[in-house]
Amino acid sequence: MNAVEHEGGSFVVDAAVLSVAFGRPAAEIRASMQDGRITSRCEKGHGEDAGLWRLTFYHAGRALRLTVNEDGEILKRSTFNVSAARSSIP
């Protein structure tokens, strides 16, 4: 599997990518996604950003943002602090 798979308008991100960003084991990442401790948002690009997506994951006051193309290639990756309230917004 590539780090990001894109099929039918949905994305699957390898738990290892989130594991590195949040400093947690991959097994814990999967459990945190299932129970809502990690939330995410997917935004489709328009205009000059057409063909790009921004995938943002929130956990424990931190965010991981990935900008990917139609093939799921990660073009940009950033992590940053967010408020605790923001980190639980899907």
N, C-alpha and C. Protein backbone atom coordinates (compact mmCIF):
# COMPACT_ATOMS: atom_id res chain seq x y z
N MET A 1 0.84 -1.19 0.00
CA MET A 1 0.00 0.00 0.00
C MET A 1 0.88 1.24 0.00
N ASN A 2 0.49 2.22 -0.82
CA ASN A 2 1.13 3.53 -0.75
C ASN A 2 0.75 4.17 0.58
N ALA A 3 1.43 5.22 0.96
CA ALA A 3 1.12 5.91 2.21
C ALA A 3 -0.30 6.45 2.20
N VAL A 4 -0.78 6.86 1.01
CA VAL A 4 -2.16 7.33 0.87
C VAL A 4 -2.76 6.67 -0.37
N GLU A 5 -3.89 6.02 -0.18
CA GLU A 5 -4.63 5.41 -1.29
C GLU A 5 -5.87 6.25 -1.55
N HIS A 6 -6.17 6.50 -2.82
CA HIS A 6 -7.35 7.28 -3.20
C HIS A 6 -8.17 6.45 -4.16
N GLU A 7 -9.41 6.16 -3.77
CA GLU A 7 -10.27 5.36 -4.63
C GLU A 7 -11.72 5.76 -4.42
N GLY A 8 -12.40 6.06 -5.49
CA GLY A 8 -13.82 6.37 -5.43
C GLY A 8 -14.16 7.56 -4.55
N GLY A 9 -13.28 8.54 -4.50
CA GLY A 9 -13.55 9.73 -3.69
C GLY A 9 -13.20 9.59 -2.23
N SER A 10 -12.70 8.43 -1.83
CA SER A 10 -12.29 8.21 -0.43
C SER A 10 -10.78 8.04 -0.35
N PHE A 11 -10.25 8.34 0.82
CA PHE A 11 -8.82 8.20 1.07
C PHE A 11 -8.59 7.24 2.23
N VAL A 12 -7.53 6.46 2.12
CA VAL A 12 -7.05 5.63 3.22
C VAL A 12 -5.59 6.01 3.43
N VAL A 13 -5.27 6.44 4.64
CA VAL A 13 -3.90 6.85 4.97
C VAL A 13 -3.29 5.77 5.85
N ASP A 14 -2.10 5.31 5.49
CA ASP A 14 -1.39 4.31 6.27
C ASP A 14 -1.21 4.80 7.70
N ALA A 15 -1.52 3.94 8.66
CA ALA A 15 -1.40 4.30 10.08
C ALA A 15 0.02 4.73 10.43
N ALA A 16 1.02 4.25 9.69
CA ALA A 16 2.41 4.61 9.97
C ALA A 16 2.63 6.12 9.78
N VAL A 17 1.93 6.73 8.84
CA VAL A 17 2.07 8.18 8.60
C VAL A 17 1.59 8.94 9.83
N LEU A 18 0.44 8.55 10.36
CA LEU A 18 -0.11 9.20 11.55
C LEU A 18 0.72 8.86 12.78
N SER A 19 1.24 7.65 12.83
CA SER A 19 2.07 7.21 13.95
C SER A 19 3.29 8.11 14.12
N VAL A 20 3.94 8.42 13.02
CA VAL A 20 5.11 9.31 13.06
C VAL A 20 4.69 10.71 13.50
N ALA A 21 3.61 11.22 12.93
CA ALA A 21 3.18 12.59 13.22
C ALA A 21 2.75 12.78 14.66
N PHE A 22 2.07 11.78 15.23
CA PHE A 22 1.54 11.92 16.58
C PHE A 22 2.36 11.19 17.64
N GLY A 23 3.43 10.51 17.21
CA GLY A 23 4.31 9.84 18.17
C GLY A 23 3.64 8.71 18.93
N ARG A 24 2.74 8.00 18.27
CA ARG A 24 2.01 6.89 18.90
C ARG A 24 2.19 5.65 18.04
N PRO A 25 2.12 4.45 18.63
CA PRO A 25 2.23 3.22 17.84
C PRO A 25 1.07 3.09 16.84
N ALA A 26 1.34 2.43 15.71
CA ALA A 26 0.33 2.28 14.66
C ALA A 26 -0.94 1.61 15.18
N ALA A 27 -0.80 0.61 16.04
CA ALA A 27 -1.99 -0.07 16.58
C ALA A 27 -2.85 0.90 17.38
N GLU A 28 -2.22 1.81 18.10
CA GLU A 28 -2.96 2.81 18.87
C GLU A 28 -3.64 3.81 17.94
N ILE A 29 -3.00 4.12 16.83
CA ILE A 29 -3.59 5.03 15.84
C ILE A 29 -4.89 4.45 15.33
N ARG A 30 -4.87 3.18 14.96
CA ARG A 30 -6.09 2.53 14.45
C ARG A 30 -7.21 2.58 15.48
N ALA A 31 -6.90 2.24 16.72
CA ALA A 31 -7.90 2.25 17.79
C ALA A 31 -8.43 3.67 18.02
N SER A 32 -7.54 4.65 17.96
CA SER A 32 -7.93 6.05 18.18
C SER A 32 -8.84 6.56 17.06
N MET A 33 -8.62 6.09 15.83
CA MET A 33 -9.50 6.46 14.72
C MET A 33 -10.89 5.85 14.94
N GLN A 34 -10.91 4.60 15.38
CA GLN A 34 -12.18 3.90 15.57
C GLN A 34 -13.01 4.49 16.70
N ASP A 35 -12.36 4.91 17.78
CA ASP A 35 -13.13 5.41 18.93
C ASP A 35 -13.27 6.93 18.95
N GLY A 36 -12.78 7.62 17.92
CA GLY A 36 -13.00 9.05 17.80
C GLY A 36 -11.97 9.94 18.47
N ARG A 37 -10.90 9.37 19.04
CA ARG A 37 -9.86 10.22 19.63
C ARG A 37 -9.04 10.91 18.55
N ILE A 38 -8.99 10.33 17.37
CA ILE A 38 -8.41 11.00 16.19
C ILE A 38 -9.56 11.26 15.24
N THR A 39 -9.69 12.51 14.84
CA THR A 39 -10.72 12.88 13.87
C THR A 39 -10.04 13.42 12.62
N SER A 40 -10.79 13.54 11.55
CA SER A 40 -10.18 13.99 10.30
C SER A 40 -11.16 14.83 9.49
N ARG A 41 -10.57 15.53 8.55
CA ARG A 41 -11.33 16.36 7.62
C ARG A 41 -10.66 16.23 6.25
N CYS A 42 -11.48 16.14 5.20
CA CYS A 42 -10.99 16.06 3.83
C CYS A 42 -11.58 17.23 3.05
N GLU A 43 -10.71 18.01 2.40
CA GLU A 43 -11.14 19.17 1.63
C GLU A 43 -10.63 19.04 0.20
N LYS A 44 -11.53 19.16 -0.76
CA LYS A 44 -11.19 19.07 -2.17
C LYS A 44 -10.81 20.44 -2.70
N GLY A 45 -9.70 20.50 -3.45
CA GLY A 45 -9.25 21.76 -4.02
C GLY A 45 -10.12 22.21 -5.18
N HIS A 46 -10.23 23.53 -5.33
CA HIS A 46 -10.99 24.14 -6.43
C HIS A 46 -10.10 25.17 -7.11
N GLY A 47 -10.48 25.55 -8.33
CA GLY A 47 -9.71 26.57 -9.05
C GLY A 47 -8.29 26.11 -9.28
N GLU A 48 -7.33 26.92 -8.86
CA GLU A 48 -5.92 26.57 -9.08
C GLU A 48 -5.49 25.36 -8.26
N ASP A 49 -6.29 24.96 -7.28
CA ASP A 49 -5.99 23.77 -6.47
C ASP A 49 -6.78 22.54 -6.91
N ALA A 50 -7.46 22.62 -8.05
CA ALA A 50 -8.22 21.47 -8.56
C ALA A 50 -7.28 20.28 -8.72
N GLY A 51 -7.75 19.11 -8.35
CA GLY A 51 -6.94 17.90 -8.44
C GLY A 51 -6.13 17.63 -7.19
N LEU A 52 -6.24 18.53 -6.20
CA LEU A 52 -5.55 18.35 -4.92
C LEU A 52 -6.57 18.19 -3.80
N TRP A 53 -6.14 17.51 -2.75
CA TRP A 53 -6.96 17.37 -1.55
C TRP A 53 -6.12 17.70 -0.34
N ARG A 54 -6.77 18.24 0.67
CA ARG A 54 -6.10 18.52 1.95
C ARG A 54 -6.75 17.61 2.99
N LEU A 55 -5.95 16.72 3.54
CA LEU A 55 -6.40 15.78 4.56
C LEU A 55 -5.82 16.23 5.89
N THR A 56 -6.67 16.52 6.86
CA THR A 56 -6.20 17.00 8.16
C THR A 56 -6.69 16.05 9.24
N PHE A 57 -5.76 15.64 10.09
CA PHE A 57 -6.05 14.73 11.20
C PHE A 57 -5.78 15.48 12.50
N TYR A 58 -6.68 15.32 13.47
CA TYR A 58 -6.59 16.01 14.75
C TYR A 58 -6.48 15.00 15.88
N HIS A 59 -5.55 15.26 16.81
CA HIS A 59 -5.39 14.38 17.97
C HIS A 59 -4.66 15.11 19.09
N ALA A 60 -5.28 15.16 20.27
CA ALA A 60 -4.64 15.64 21.49
C ALA A 60 -3.94 16.99 21.32
N GLY A 61 -4.65 17.95 20.71
CA GLY A 61 -4.09 19.28 20.56
C GLY A 61 -3.08 19.45 19.44
N ARG A 62 -2.94 18.44 18.59
CA ARG A 62 -2.03 18.50 17.44
C ARG A 62 -2.80 18.18 16.17
N ALA A 63 -2.29 18.66 15.05
CA ALA A 63 -2.89 18.36 13.75
C ALA A 63 -1.80 17.95 12.77
N LEU A 64 -2.14 17.02 11.91
CA LEU A 64 -1.31 16.63 10.78
C LEU A 64 -2.09 17.00 9.53
N ARG A 65 -1.48 17.78 8.65
CA ARG A 65 -2.13 18.16 7.40
C ARG A 65 -1.31 17.61 6.24
N LEU A 66 -1.98 16.86 5.36
CA LEU A 66 -1.37 16.32 4.16
C LEU A 66 -2.05 16.94 2.95
N THR A 67 -1.27 17.42 2.01
CA THR A 67 -1.80 17.83 0.72
C THR A 67 -1.41 16.74 -0.26
N VAL A 68 -2.42 16.15 -0.92
CA VAL A 68 -2.17 15.02 -1.81
C VAL A 68 -2.79 15.29 -3.18
N ASN A 69 -2.25 14.59 -4.19
CA ASN A 69 -2.83 14.70 -5.53
C ASN A 69 -3.78 13.53 -5.77
N GLU A 70 -4.31 13.44 -6.99
CA GLU A 70 -5.29 12.40 -7.34
C GLU A 70 -4.73 11.00 -7.17
N ASP A 71 -3.42 10.84 -7.28
CA ASP A 71 -2.80 9.53 -7.14
C ASP A 71 -2.48 9.19 -5.69
N GLY A 72 -2.78 10.10 -4.77
CA GLY A 72 -2.48 9.86 -3.36
C GLY A 72 -1.06 10.22 -2.98
N GLU A 73 -0.31 10.82 -3.90
CA GLU A 73 1.06 11.23 -3.59
C GLU A 73 1.03 12.41 -2.61
N ILE A 74 1.80 12.29 -1.53
CA ILE A 74 1.88 13.38 -0.56
C ILE A 74 2.79 14.46 -1.12
N LEU A 75 2.22 15.64 -1.36
CA LEU A 75 2.97 16.77 -1.91
C LEU A 75 3.48 17.68 -0.81
N LYS A 76 2.74 17.75 0.28
CA LYS A 76 3.13 18.61 1.40
C LYS A 76 2.61 17.97 2.68
N ARG A 77 3.40 18.11 3.74
CA ARG A 77 3.06 17.54 5.04
C ARG A 77 3.44 18.56 6.10
N SER A 78 2.52 18.82 7.04
CA SER A 78 2.84 19.73 8.13
C SER A 78 2.12 19.28 9.40
N THR A 79 2.72 19.59 10.53
CA THR A 79 2.09 19.35 11.83
C THR A 79 2.09 20.67 12.58
N PHE A 80 1.06 20.87 13.39
CA PHE A 80 0.95 22.12 14.13
C PHE A 80 0.03 21.92 15.32
N ASN A 81 0.14 22.83 16.27
CA ASN A 81 -0.72 22.81 17.45
C ASN A 81 -2.09 23.37 17.11
N VAL A 82 -3.11 22.81 17.74
CA VAL A 82 -4.48 23.33 17.64
C VAL A 82 -5.08 23.35 19.03
N SER A 83 -6.12 24.12 19.22
CA SER A 83 -6.78 24.14 20.53
C SER A 83 -7.40 22.78 20.79
N ALA A 84 -7.56 22.43 22.05
CA ALA A 84 -8.15 21.15 22.42
C ALA A 84 -9.54 21.00 21.81
N ALA A 85 -10.32 22.08 21.81
CA ALA A 85 -11.66 22.02 21.23
C ALA A 85 -11.59 21.72 19.73
N ARG A 86 -10.65 22.32 19.04
CA ARG A 86 -10.49 22.12 17.60
C ARG A 86 -10.05 20.69 17.29
N SER A 87 -9.26 20.09 18.18
CA SER A 87 -8.71 18.77 17.89
C SER A 87 -9.77 17.68 17.91
N SER A 88 -10.99 17.98 18.35
CA SER A 88 -12.03 16.95 18.35
C SER A 88 -13.09 17.19 17.27
N ILE A 89 -12.89 18.19 16.43
CA ILE A 89 -13.86 18.48 15.37
C ILE A 89 -13.58 17.57 14.19
N PRO A 90 -14.60 16.82 13.72
CA PRO A 90 -14.38 15.94 12.55
C PRO A 90 -14.25 16.73 11.26
